[in-house]
């Protein structure tokens, strides 16, 4: 189903990803995707766990500048060639495609090198460290015709597919707001064997290498702008501070960003990593219902009638409180917010967002990597996937820009790219 927008019927991209992946799976049967795994740290090894479950995946090369990480991968793939230089891995004649799980600042250089060498590329999110690099990656992808995937696993998470389907069917009514949040309580640091390795291991804490909370977390959630609004923001504002982890880090430990859209709608992202009570979710608010996508729960605005005895109690309470003076209208109990959400599908798999390196449940990561392997075999890029990732990364980086410059910034029109999901 679709929703009617200013230019007619607009189909959500998510179900299209899924159906395209299924068709590629049939076409790729019997083939092998010969891959170089570049970056064998925590996220790289999480991908290893998935690759071992994908029959058409064959890791023929592994690459990392940090020997302990390379050794860990070699235990799993003892026959794979080992490299310290990513160009050597890319140029290995056995390699058809690369899977990049490096720090953010290397995403664009390695992806661009792979595409220009005639190899397919899977790159972890966010797409790149700068908006200029995002544009260069997109243009190179279009020029080379090679496959490029970005690690946004929600594109293959069943509950997100179902949630967007409900939105497109009008179950939520007219959409009036999108709220994204991701709360944790940890310092984001990892043990460092010796001081010289600080920035190599804790790269997420330094601006030269990382975009902080926006590129590591928000990039996942900011996809909702194109999924739900089918639009791009016209301007962006935000605040970023270090309020708790005062340990020399350069990236913010607390961020709050507002994306304003031309029709007056807003999308927000907020993250604090010194309190985890509220966890992580993406909330889509409609005038008929609210959808919590990460939890897969739907809350209707007009709830079913209460049992007779509850209605009687409410009527008695109304009579009592109707005579009590409050500012504004008389008090009326708000009951909708107390209702339990209805699961949008059976056998929901959810996690609390405490770690994106690898959830204990299938969050779509395996489906995404498997689709990439099939694309390497067939040589067929997935329509609209790069465009989704491009705008997700761009919005995350623009959020950082707004916070760092302490001003409202306009969406840079020079960075618009063609995308059929946007009006």
Protein backbone atom coordinates (compact mmCIF):
# COMPACT_ATOMS: atom_id res chain seq x y z
CA UNK A 1 0.00 0.00 0.00
CA UNK A 2 1.06 3.60 -0.42
CA UNK A 3 0.19 6.99 0.93
CA UNK A 4 -1.01 9.85 -1.17
CA UNK A 5 1.46 12.71 -1.28
CA UNK A 6 1.80 15.89 -3.27
CA UNK A 7 2.96 13.99 -6.34
CA UNK A 8 0.52 11.10 -6.23
CA UNK A 9 0.99 7.61 -4.90
CA UNK A 10 4.34 7.18 -3.17
CA UNK A 11 5.45 3.65 -2.29
CA UNK A 12 7.52 3.04 0.81
CA UNK A 13 11.00 1.83 -0.05
CA UNK A 14 11.28 -0.77 2.70
CA UNK A 15 9.00 -3.46 1.22
CA UNK A 16 10.71 -2.89 -2.12
CA UNK A 17 14.09 -3.68 -0.56
CA UNK A 18 12.70 -6.91 0.82
CA UNK A 19 11.13 -8.10 -2.43
CA UNK A 20 14.23 -7.19 -4.43
CA UNK A 21 16.42 -9.11 -1.96
CA UNK A 22 14.21 -12.18 -2.37
CA UNK A 23 14.52 -12.09 -6.16
CA UNK A 24 18.32 -11.74 -5.91
CA UNK A 25 18.42 -14.73 -3.57
CA UNK A 26 16.88 -16.93 -6.24
CA UNK A 27 19.21 -15.63 -8.92
CA UNK A 28 22.34 -16.10 -6.77
CA UNK A 29 21.70 -19.75 -5.86
CA UNK A 30 24.79 -21.88 -6.31
CA UNK A 31 27.14 -18.91 -6.51
CA UNK A 32 29.85 -17.71 -4.14
CA UNK A 33 30.57 -14.17 -2.97
CA UNK A 34 34.33 -14.03 -2.45
CA UNK A 35 34.88 -11.33 0.15
CA UNK A 36 37.66 -9.42 1.85
CA UNK A 37 36.77 -8.51 5.42
CA UNK A 38 38.42 -5.13 6.12
CA UNK A 39 38.27 -4.30 9.81
CA UNK A 40 38.12 -7.29 12.16
CA UNK A 41 37.24 -5.58 15.43
CA UNK A 42 33.98 -6.03 17.34
CA UNK A 43 31.59 -5.14 14.52
CA UNK A 44 33.67 -7.02 11.96
CA UNK A 45 33.57 -10.17 14.10
CA UNK A 46 29.82 -9.76 14.52
CA UNK A 47 29.55 -9.87 10.74
CA UNK A 48 31.73 -12.98 10.83
CA UNK A 49 29.07 -14.74 12.92
CA UNK A 50 26.50 -13.93 10.25
CA UNK A 51 28.79 -14.80 7.33
CA UNK A 52 29.30 -18.26 8.79
CA UNK A 53 25.55 -18.81 8.47
CA UNK A 54 25.39 -17.66 4.83
CA UNK A 55 26.28 -20.55 2.47
CA UNK A 56 27.07 -18.28 -0.48
CA UNK A 57 29.60 -16.20 1.52
CA UNK A 58 33.29 -17.06 1.23
CA UNK A 59 35.87 -14.95 3.08
CA UNK A 60 39.08 -15.17 1.07
CA UNK A 61 40.95 -12.25 2.67
CA UNK A 62 41.07 -10.48 6.04
CA UNK A 63 42.63 -7.09 6.77
CA UNK A 64 43.35 -5.07 9.92
CA UNK A 65 46.19 -2.83 11.09
CA UNK A 66 45.77 -4.10 14.68
CA UNK A 67 47.36 -7.55 14.94
CA UNK A 68 45.23 -8.94 17.83
CA UNK A 69 42.06 -8.28 15.80
CA UNK A 70 43.58 -9.85 12.70
CA UNK A 71 44.56 -12.91 14.75
CA UNK A 72 41.00 -13.32 15.98
CA UNK A 73 39.65 -13.37 12.43
CA UNK A 74 42.40 -15.76 11.29
CA UNK A 75 41.21 -18.31 13.84
CA UNK A 76 37.86 -18.39 12.06
CA UNK A 77 39.22 -18.14 8.50
CA UNK A 78 42.65 -19.84 8.62
CA UNK A 79 42.80 -20.16 4.82
CA UNK A 80 42.09 -16.47 4.16
CA UNK A 81 44.99 -14.27 3.07
CA UNK A 82 46.01 -11.74 5.71
CA UNK A 83 46.69 -8.07 4.95
CA UNK A 84 47.61 -4.94 6.90
CA UNK A 85 47.07 -2.55 3.97
CA UNK A 86 43.50 -2.29 2.69
CA UNK A 87 44.65 -1.58 -0.89
CA UNK A 88 46.39 -4.95 -0.94
CA UNK A 89 43.18 -6.65 0.15
CA UNK A 90 41.14 -4.78 -2.46
CA UNK A 91 43.60 -5.66 -5.24
CA UNK A 92 43.67 -9.36 -4.36
CA UNK A 93 42.48 -11.02 -7.62
CA UNK A 94 40.36 -13.51 -5.66
CA UNK A 95 38.29 -10.73 -4.08
CA UNK A 96 34.96 -9.82 -5.68
CA UNK A 97 33.69 -7.60 -2.89
CA UNK A 98 34.79 -6.03 0.39
CA UNK A 99 33.01 -5.77 3.73
CA UNK A 100 34.23 -2.68 5.60
CA UNK A 101 33.94 -2.50 9.40
CA UNK A 102 36.53 0.15 10.17
CA UNK A 103 36.36 3.45 12.11
CA UNK A 104 34.18 6.04 10.39
CA UNK A 105 36.98 8.18 8.97
CA UNK A 106 38.07 5.25 6.77
CA UNK A 107 34.61 4.41 5.38
CA UNK A 108 34.82 6.71 2.38
CA UNK A 109 38.50 6.15 1.42
CA UNK A 110 38.16 2.35 1.44
CA UNK A 111 34.74 2.30 -0.25
CA UNK A 112 35.90 4.66 -2.99
CA UNK A 113 39.08 2.64 -3.55
CA UNK A 114 37.10 -0.59 -3.82
CA UNK A 115 34.52 0.82 -6.25
CA UNK A 116 37.21 2.39 -8.45
CA UNK A 117 39.11 -0.91 -8.48
CA UNK A 118 36.02 -2.62 -9.89
CA UNK A 119 35.06 -4.33 -6.62
CA UNK A 120 31.71 -4.32 -4.85
CA UNK A 121 31.53 -2.73 -1.39
CA UNK A 122 29.60 -3.12 1.84
CA UNK A 123 30.40 -0.30 4.25
CA UNK A 124 29.20 0.04 7.81
CA UNK A 125 27.13 3.08 8.69
CA UNK A 126 27.38 6.01 8.73
CA UNK A 127 28.27 6.40 5.08
CA UNK A 128 31.18 8.84 5.56
CA UNK A 129 32.78 11.34 7.94
CA UNK A 130 31.83 14.44 5.89
CA UNK A 131 28.96 15.45 3.64
CA UNK A 132 31.45 15.98 0.81
CA UNK A 133 32.56 12.36 1.14
CA UNK A 134 28.95 11.18 1.13
CA UNK A 135 28.39 12.97 -2.18
CA UNK A 136 31.61 11.56 -3.64
CA UNK A 137 30.65 8.02 -2.63
CA UNK A 138 27.22 8.37 -4.19
CA UNK A 139 28.61 9.77 -7.44
CA UNK A 140 31.29 7.08 -7.65
CA UNK A 141 28.70 4.38 -7.04
CA UNK A 142 26.61 5.75 -9.93
CA UNK A 143 29.65 6.09 -12.22
CA UNK A 144 31.08 2.61 -11.63
CA UNK A 145 27.83 0.65 -11.60
CA UNK A 146 29.21 -1.53 -8.82
CA UNK A 147 27.24 -2.71 -5.81
CA UNK A 148 27.37 -0.48 -2.72
CA UNK A 149 25.61 -1.41 0.52
CA UNK A 150 25.64 0.60 3.75
CA UNK A 151 25.11 -1.14 7.10
CA UNK A 152 21.64 0.11 8.02
CA UNK A 153 20.11 -3.14 9.21
CA UNK A 154 16.67 -1.69 9.98
CA UNK A 155 16.02 -1.94 6.24
CA UNK A 156 15.80 -5.71 6.77
CA UNK A 157 14.21 -5.83 10.24
CA UNK A 158 10.72 -7.43 9.91
CA UNK A 159 9.05 -5.21 12.52
CA UNK A 160 10.20 -2.07 10.68
CA UNK A 161 8.85 -3.45 7.42
CA UNK A 162 5.52 -4.12 9.11
CA UNK A 163 5.47 -0.74 10.85
CA UNK A 164 6.01 1.21 7.64
CA UNK A 165 3.33 -0.87 5.96
CA UNK A 166 0.85 0.17 8.69
CA UNK A 167 1.83 3.82 8.27
CA UNK A 168 1.39 3.63 4.50
CA UNK A 169 -2.01 1.99 4.98
CA UNK A 170 -3.15 4.97 7.05
CA UNK A 171 -3.56 3.08 10.33
CA UNK A 172 -1.92 5.96 12.23
CA UNK A 173 -3.92 8.58 10.37
CA UNK A 174 -2.18 11.82 9.47
CA UNK A 175 1.40 11.78 10.76
CA UNK A 176 2.12 14.74 13.04
CA UNK A 177 5.52 14.04 14.61
CA UNK A 178 8.54 11.70 14.73
CA UNK A 179 10.54 11.30 17.93
CA UNK A 180 13.82 9.36 18.01
CA UNK A 181 15.87 8.73 21.14
CA UNK A 182 18.75 6.53 22.22
CA UNK A 183 19.81 6.50 25.88
CA UNK A 184 22.70 4.55 27.36
CA UNK A 185 24.76 4.68 30.53
CA UNK A 186 28.39 3.93 29.71
CA UNK A 187 31.49 5.91 28.87
CA UNK A 188 31.90 4.41 25.37
CA UNK A 189 35.53 3.63 26.21
CA UNK A 190 37.46 0.45 25.59
CA UNK A 191 40.58 -0.80 27.40
CA UNK A 192 43.84 0.41 25.86
CA UNK A 193 46.92 -1.84 26.23
CA UNK A 194 49.25 1.14 25.87
CA UNK A 195 48.77 4.93 25.52
CA UNK A 196 49.92 5.03 21.89
CA UNK A 197 46.84 2.99 20.94
CA UNK A 198 44.31 5.35 22.56
CA UNK A 199 42.97 6.94 19.39
CA UNK A 200 43.19 3.72 17.40
CA UNK A 201 40.98 1.86 19.89
CA UNK A 202 38.83 4.71 21.23
CA UNK A 203 38.40 6.43 17.86
CA UNK A 204 34.69 7.10 18.56
CA UNK A 205 35.68 9.77 21.09
CA UNK A 206 37.71 11.96 18.72
CA UNK A 207 36.29 14.26 16.04
CA UNK A 208 39.00 13.51 13.51
CA UNK A 209 37.82 9.91 13.37
CA UNK A 210 34.21 9.99 14.51
CA UNK A 211 30.94 11.88 14.28
CA UNK A 212 30.00 10.80 17.79
CA UNK A 213 26.44 9.97 18.74
CA UNK A 214 25.02 11.35 15.50
CA UNK A 215 26.89 9.03 13.14
CA UNK A 216 27.09 6.03 15.48
CA UNK A 217 23.47 6.04 16.68
CA UNK A 218 21.29 8.70 15.03
CA UNK A 219 22.17 7.51 11.51
CA UNK A 220 20.03 4.42 12.16
CA UNK A 221 16.99 6.41 13.23
CA UNK A 222 17.10 9.42 10.93
CA UNK A 223 16.00 7.19 8.05
CA UNK A 224 12.46 7.82 9.29
CA UNK A 225 12.44 11.22 7.61
CA UNK A 226 12.43 9.65 4.16
CA UNK A 227 10.46 6.55 5.15
CA UNK A 228 7.57 8.37 6.80
CA UNK A 229 7.54 12.01 5.65
CA UNK A 230 8.77 11.20 2.13
CA UNK A 231 10.54 14.54 2.37
CA UNK A 232 13.72 16.36 3.40
CA UNK A 233 14.01 18.96 6.17
CA UNK A 234 14.36 22.61 5.25
CA UNK A 235 16.35 23.56 8.34
CA UNK A 236 18.04 21.98 11.33
CA UNK A 237 18.86 23.13 14.88
CA UNK A 238 20.52 21.38 17.78
CA UNK A 239 22.45 21.44 21.03
CA UNK A 240 25.42 19.27 21.97
CA UNK A 241 27.33 19.20 25.25
CA UNK A 242 29.58 17.12 27.45
CA UNK A 243 27.61 16.99 30.67
CA UNK A 244 28.90 13.88 32.43
CA UNK A 245 31.87 12.09 30.82
CA UNK A 246 34.50 14.81 31.30
CA UNK A 247 37.44 12.64 30.34
CA UNK A 248 39.05 14.51 27.45
CA UNK A 249 36.73 13.22 24.75
CA UNK A 250 36.01 15.57 21.85
CA UNK A 251 32.55 14.34 20.85
CA UNK A 252 29.39 15.20 22.78
CA UNK A 253 27.92 12.87 25.41
CA UNK A 254 24.54 14.60 25.16
CA UNK A 255 22.83 15.72 21.94
CA UNK A 256 19.42 17.05 20.98
CA UNK A 257 18.59 17.90 17.34
CA UNK A 258 15.40 19.12 15.63
CA UNK A 259 14.76 18.61 11.91
CA UNK A 260 12.07 20.97 10.63
CA UNK A 261 10.19 20.12 7.42
CA UNK A 262 8.62 22.53 4.89
CA UNK A 263 5.08 21.56 5.92
CA UNK A 264 5.75 22.36 9.59
CA UNK A 265 6.38 18.79 10.71
CA UNK A 266 9.38 17.96 12.85
CA UNK A 267 11.63 14.99 13.53
CA UNK A 268 13.79 14.95 16.66
CA UNK A 269 16.77 12.96 17.87
CA UNK A 270 18.03 12.94 21.44
CA UNK A 271 20.76 10.88 23.06
CA UNK A 272 22.31 10.90 26.53
CA UNK A 273 24.88 8.29 27.52
CA UNK A 274 24.73 8.80 31.28
CA UNK A 275 21.18 7.49 31.82
CA UNK A 276 19.66 4.39 30.20
CA UNK A 277 16.17 4.34 31.74
CA UNK A 278 14.26 5.05 28.51
CA UNK A 279 16.47 2.91 26.28
CA UNK A 280 16.00 3.33 22.54
CA UNK A 281 13.03 3.79 20.22
CA UNK A 282 11.62 5.54 17.19
CA UNK A 283 8.11 6.88 17.77
CA UNK A 284 5.81 7.87 14.92
CA UNK A 285 2.83 9.94 16.08
CA UNK A 286 -0.35 10.08 14.04
CA UNK A 287 -3.70 11.65 14.89
CA UNK A 288 -5.21 8.15 15.17
CA UNK A 289 -2.37 6.17 16.75
CA UNK A 290 1.26 6.09 17.90
CA UNK A 291 3.76 3.50 16.70
CA UNK A 292 6.86 2.51 18.67
CA UNK A 293 8.93 0.96 15.90
CA UNK A 294 11.81 -0.48 17.92
CA UNK A 295 9.37 -2.22 20.27
CA UNK A 296 6.89 -3.07 17.53
CA UNK A 297 3.94 -1.71 19.52
CA UNK A 298 0.91 0.25 18.32
CA UNK A 299 -1.14 2.53 20.60
CA UNK A 300 -4.55 3.69 19.35
CA UNK A 301 -5.77 7.16 20.33
CA UNK A 302 -9.38 5.98 20.65
CA UNK A 303 -9.15 3.02 22.95
CA UNK A 304 -11.78 0.32 23.30
CA UNK A 305 -14.58 1.05 25.82
CA UNK A 306 -13.71 0.16 29.40
CA UNK A 307 -15.66 -2.55 31.26
CA UNK A 308 -18.92 -1.40 32.81
CA UNK A 309 -17.59 -1.10 36.34
CA UNK A 310 -14.61 1.00 35.16
CA UNK A 311 -16.95 3.30 33.24
CA UNK A 312 -19.05 3.75 36.41
CA UNK A 313 -15.93 4.65 38.44
CA UNK A 314 -14.87 7.17 35.77
CA UNK A 315 -18.33 8.76 35.78
CA UNK A 316 -18.22 9.14 39.58
CA UNK A 317 -14.72 10.66 39.37
CA UNK A 318 -15.92 13.10 36.71
CA UNK A 319 -18.75 14.29 38.92
CA UNK A 320 -16.36 14.86 41.80
CA UNK A 321 -13.62 16.60 39.85
CA UNK A 322 -15.88 18.60 37.53
CA UNK A 323 -16.51 20.95 40.46
CA UNK A 324 -12.84 21.45 41.26
CA UNK A 325 -11.33 24.56 39.70
CA UNK A 326 -8.23 24.04 37.57
CA UNK A 327 -6.48 26.32 35.14
CA UNK A 328 -8.30 25.81 31.87
CA UNK A 329 -10.97 23.12 31.31
CA UNK A 330 -12.18 20.83 34.08
CA UNK A 331 -10.02 17.79 34.76
CA UNK A 332 -10.65 14.75 32.60
CA UNK A 333 -8.60 11.59 33.07
CA UNK A 334 -6.29 10.78 30.16
CA UNK A 335 -6.50 7.01 29.77
CA UNK A 336 -4.96 6.37 26.34
CA UNK A 337 -1.37 6.76 27.58
CA UNK A 338 -1.95 4.05 30.19
CA UNK A 339 -3.00 1.40 27.70
CA UNK A 340 -0.67 -1.41 26.69
CA UNK A 341 0.48 -1.28 23.12
CA UNK A 342 -0.67 -3.91 20.66
CA UNK A 343 2.17 -5.92 19.04
CA UNK A 344 2.18 -5.28 15.30
CA UNK A 345 3.33 -8.83 14.51
CA UNK A 346 3.81 -12.23 16.11
CA UNK A 347 7.15 -13.36 17.56
CA UNK A 348 8.56 -9.86 17.95
CA UNK A 349 12.33 -9.68 18.41
CA UNK A 350 13.49 -6.54 20.20
CA UNK A 351 16.55 -5.30 22.05
CA UNK A 352 17.16 -2.31 24.31
CA UNK A 353 19.72 -0.53 22.15
CA UNK A 354 22.47 -0.95 24.73
CA UNK A 355 24.88 -2.19 22.04
CA UNK A 356 24.78 -1.92 18.25
CA UNK A 357 27.84 -4.11 17.73
CA UNK A 358 25.52 -7.09 17.68
CA UNK A 359 22.11 -7.58 19.21
CA UNK A 360 21.25 -10.89 20.84
CA UNK A 361 18.32 -11.13 18.41
CA UNK A 362 18.20 -10.78 14.64
CA UNK A 363 17.91 -7.04 14.04
CA UNK A 364 18.15 -7.35 10.27
CA UNK A 365 21.96 -7.49 10.15
CA UNK A 366 22.11 -11.03 8.78
CA UNK A 367 19.49 -10.29 6.11
CA UNK A 368 21.38 -7.20 5.01
CA UNK A 369 24.74 -9.00 4.69
CA UNK A 370 23.10 -11.95 2.94
CA UNK A 371 21.48 -9.58 0.44
CA UNK A 372 24.90 -8.02 -0.18
CA UNK A 373 26.44 -11.44 -0.85
CA UNK A 374 23.70 -12.16 -3.39
CA UNK A 375 24.31 -8.76 -4.99
CA UNK A 376 28.04 -9.52 -5.28
CA UNK A 377 27.22 -12.78 -7.06
CA UNK A 378 24.70 -11.21 -9.46
CA UNK A 379 26.39 -7.81 -9.79
CA UNK A 380 23.04 -6.10 -9.28
CA UNK A 381 22.84 -3.07 -6.94
CA UNK A 382 19.71 -2.71 -4.84
CA UNK A 383 17.59 0.24 -6.02
CA UNK A 384 17.28 3.11 -3.51
CA UNK A 385 19.46 1.55 -0.80
CA UNK A 386 22.40 3.91 -1.34
CA UNK A 387 20.04 6.88 -1.52
CA UNK A 388 18.51 5.87 1.85
CA UNK A 389 21.96 5.63 3.40
CA UNK A 390 23.09 8.88 1.79
CA UNK A 391 20.32 10.93 3.35
CA UNK A 392 20.61 9.17 6.70
CA UNK A 393 24.32 9.98 6.87
CA UNK A 394 23.80 13.50 5.59
CA UNK A 395 21.17 14.32 8.23
CA UNK A 396 23.42 12.97 10.98
CA UNK A 397 26.35 15.11 9.82
CA UNK A 398 24.16 18.21 9.39
CA UNK A 399 22.96 17.69 12.96
CA UNK A 400 26.57 17.80 14.10
CA UNK A 401 27.16 20.95 12.06
CA UNK A 402 24.17 22.70 13.65
CA UNK A 403 25.42 21.83 17.14
CA UNK A 404 29.03 22.79 16.50
CA UNK A 405 28.15 26.11 14.83
CA UNK A 406 25.40 26.87 17.37
CA UNK A 407 23.00 28.06 14.73
CA UNK A 408 20.02 27.00 12.65
CA UNK A 409 21.30 25.71 9.31
CA UNK A 410 19.42 25.22 6.07
CA UNK A 411 19.49 21.94 4.20
CA UNK A 412 22.16 22.41 1.48
CA UNK A 413 20.31 22.13 -1.83
CA UNK A 414 23.54 21.28 -3.67
CA UNK A 415 23.49 17.97 -1.79
CA UNK A 416 20.08 16.83 -2.96
CA UNK A 417 20.27 13.66 -5.05
CA UNK A 418 17.52 11.98 -7.09
CA UNK A 419 15.42 9.65 -4.96
CA UNK A 420 11.98 8.46 -5.97
CA UNK A 421 10.86 8.04 -2.36
CA UNK A 422 11.08 11.81 -1.78
CA UNK A 423 8.38 14.19 -3.01
